[in-house]
Amino acid sequence: MRRADRLLQIIQILHRQIKPVTCAAMAEELEVSERTLYRDMVSLQSTGVPIRGEAGIGYVLEDGYHLPPLMFSVNELEAIMLGARMVDGRVDDELTRSARDVVAKIKSVIPPSLKSTLIDTPLFAPHWVDAGSGQFEMADLRAAIRAELELEINYTSLTNKTTKRIVWPIAIGLFPEASMLTAWCTKRQDFRYFRIERISKLLILDTRIGKPRAALFHEWKKTPFAMTGDPQKRPNARISGVGN
């Protein structure tokens, strides 16, 4: 890796982290010695990059500093295209169009030598299930999550029992078996997963959820059955109990 590319990558690493990052961690990721990283940090600071910290403790990048726009590596372009392909047709038409618009915007400004990397990325994502329920617009559900509004839903469990719930929506998950709404159920006073195709009615209420969505999300991530990398802890591993 060229030194100029490495300096940009150091800034990118600091951008993605909230807590201080040690030179040891950055050196490991960039596959260089810690001594080289220390020299790089001094070089960045001497050119005015607002990096705070010191050796042995870690470094942080002050808010407000941004890299030049659209400085994408080959790996980053492949990640963007894969993400766009995963969205395409899985959630709703509005999000599908937005994903295609993102690709078009990036394609229009990146160097010609990188355009084939973006468009011809050899990474694809099969369409496992139809994400939509047919009963409501997924775009409305996404808007409610962003606005942190309560939902009133009619939900039919896998035993064909229909109940009315007031829920605090947290996230939408796309799995091979089904698309899920993760939410805090006010009836059960616990986190629950609801298969989206089994929500027969969705009403967005004017009342805000009882906690900030970010706080709920972090609480949910600590639960044993959050969507972790362990398949035994994913909601589809307990599909028979979803939404009870």
Foldseek 3Di string as FASTA:
>chain_A
DDLVVLLVVVVVVLVVDDAFDALVVSCVVVVHDSVVSVVSVVVCVVVPQQWDDDHPGGIHGDPPDDDPPLPDDLVRLLVLLQVLQVQQQAFAPVVNVVSVVVLVVSLVPDDPVCNCSNPVPPDHDDDQDRQAQVQDHSVVVVVCQVVQFWKWWWFQAPVRDTDIWIWGWQDWADDNVAIWTWTQTPVVRGIFIGGNNRTNDIDTDPDGDPDNSVVVVVVQVPDQQRPDPDPCSDCVVVRNPGPD
